[in-house]
Amino acid sequence: MTRSQPRRRVNAAYSALNLRLTLATFGLVTMTLFAVVAFWVGLAWLGVVCAVLAVVAVVDLIVIQRRRAARHREEPGARHSLFE
């Protein structure tokens, strides 16, 4: 191994995409449910806040999927996680 090659540990996690995917999915589901309940109860301002946070979670899911696809194109055949 030369100095220009990075050192890697065996079985070490190098990407947080799986965690981000899980958290974004959880955020999308919970914020959508909270928005529906808030609008149903009559708290429109809280429903709008929760709906905006749900949209943020959707955007994050799109970014995550694009990064996972790019990683798959760079290293075809490699399995990086349980989700791929």
Protein backbone atom coordinates (compact mmCIF):
# COMPACT_ATOMS: atom_id res chain seq x y z
CA MET A 1 0.00 0.00 0.00
CA THR A 2 1.32 3.40 -0.95
CA ARG A 3 0.59 6.73 0.61
CA SER A 4 -1.78 7.70 -2.20
CA GLN A 5 -4.06 4.73 -1.52
CA PRO A 6 -6.58 5.23 1.25
CA ARG A 7 -6.63 2.81 4.15
CA ARG A 8 -9.84 0.86 4.59
CA ARG A 9 -10.96 -1.26 7.48
CA VAL A 10 -12.70 -4.53 6.88
CA ASN A 11 -16.48 -4.43 7.42
CA ALA A 12 -16.51 -0.67 7.97
CA ALA A 13 -19.44 1.41 6.82
CA TYR A 14 -18.42 4.06 4.32
CA SER A 15 -21.76 5.58 3.41
CA ALA A 16 -24.72 6.82 5.40
CA LEU A 17 -27.15 6.44 2.49
CA ASN A 18 -28.95 3.52 4.12
CA LEU A 19 -29.53 5.46 7.31
CA ARG A 20 -30.64 8.51 5.36
CA LEU A 21 -33.02 6.36 3.31
CA THR A 22 -34.57 4.91 6.45
CA LEU A 23 -34.86 8.25 8.22
CA ALA A 24 -36.29 10.03 5.17
CA THR A 25 -38.90 7.31 4.73
CA PHE A 26 -39.82 7.51 8.39
CA GLY A 27 -40.03 11.30 8.17
CA LEU A 28 -42.21 11.15 5.08
CA VAL A 29 -44.67 8.72 6.64
CA THR A 30 -44.90 10.46 10.01
CA MET A 31 -45.14 13.99 8.62
CA THR A 32 -47.81 12.94 6.15
CA LEU A 33 -49.84 11.36 8.93
CA PHE A 34 -49.34 14.38 11.19
CA ALA A 35 -50.39 16.73 8.38
CA VAL A 36 -53.58 14.75 7.74
CA VAL A 37 -54.42 14.69 11.45
CA ALA A 38 -53.62 18.39 11.85
CA PHE A 39 -55.89 19.36 8.95
CA TRP A 40 -58.60 17.03 10.25
CA VAL A 41 -58.45 18.59 13.73
CA GLY A 42 -58.49 22.10 12.29
CA LEU A 43 -54.91 23.21 12.89
CA ALA A 44 -54.16 24.40 9.38
CA TRP A 45 -50.85 26.07 10.26
CA LEU A 46 -49.52 22.84 11.78
CA GLY A 47 -50.78 20.87 8.80
CA VAL A 48 -48.90 23.18 6.43
CA VAL A 49 -45.69 22.85 8.46
CA CYS A 50 -45.96 19.05 8.45
CA ALA A 51 -46.75 19.00 4.72
CA VAL A 52 -43.67 21.12 4.00
CA LEU A 53 -41.52 18.74 6.04
CA ALA A 54 -43.02 15.81 4.12
CA VAL A 55 -42.01 17.51 0.85
CA VAL A 56 -38.48 17.95 2.23
CA ALA A 57 -38.40 14.21 2.97
CA VAL A 58 -39.50 13.45 -0.61
CA VAL A 59 -36.71 15.65 -2.00
CA ASP A 60 -34.22 13.89 0.27
CA LEU A 61 -35.45 10.49 -0.96
CA ILE A 62 -34.90 11.61 -4.56
CA VAL A 63 -31.36 12.78 -3.79
CA ILE A 64 -30.58 9.53 -1.98
CA GLN A 65 -31.83 7.39 -4.86
CA ARG A 66 -29.80 9.41 -7.37
CA ARG A 67 -26.64 8.93 -5.30
CA ARG A 68 -27.31 5.21 -4.92
CA ALA A 69 -27.82 4.90 -8.69
CA ALA A 70 -24.59 6.81 -9.37
CA ARG A 71 -22.70 4.55 -6.97
CA HIS A 72 -24.16 1.49 -8.68
CA ARG A 73 -23.05 2.81 -12.09
CA GLU A 74 -19.52 3.45 -10.81
CA GLU A 75 -19.16 -0.01 -9.28
CA PRO A 76 -21.41 -2.43 -11.18
CA GLY A 77 -22.04 -5.73 -9.47
CA ALA A 78 -20.91 -4.51 -6.04
CA ARG A 79 -23.38 -4.82 -3.19
CA HIS A 80 -23.03 -1.92 -0.79
CA SER A 81 -25.96 -2.49 1.52
CA LEU A 82 -28.98 -4.53 2.45
CA PHE A 83 -31.20 -2.21 0.41
CA GLU A 84 -29.40 -2.60 -2.94
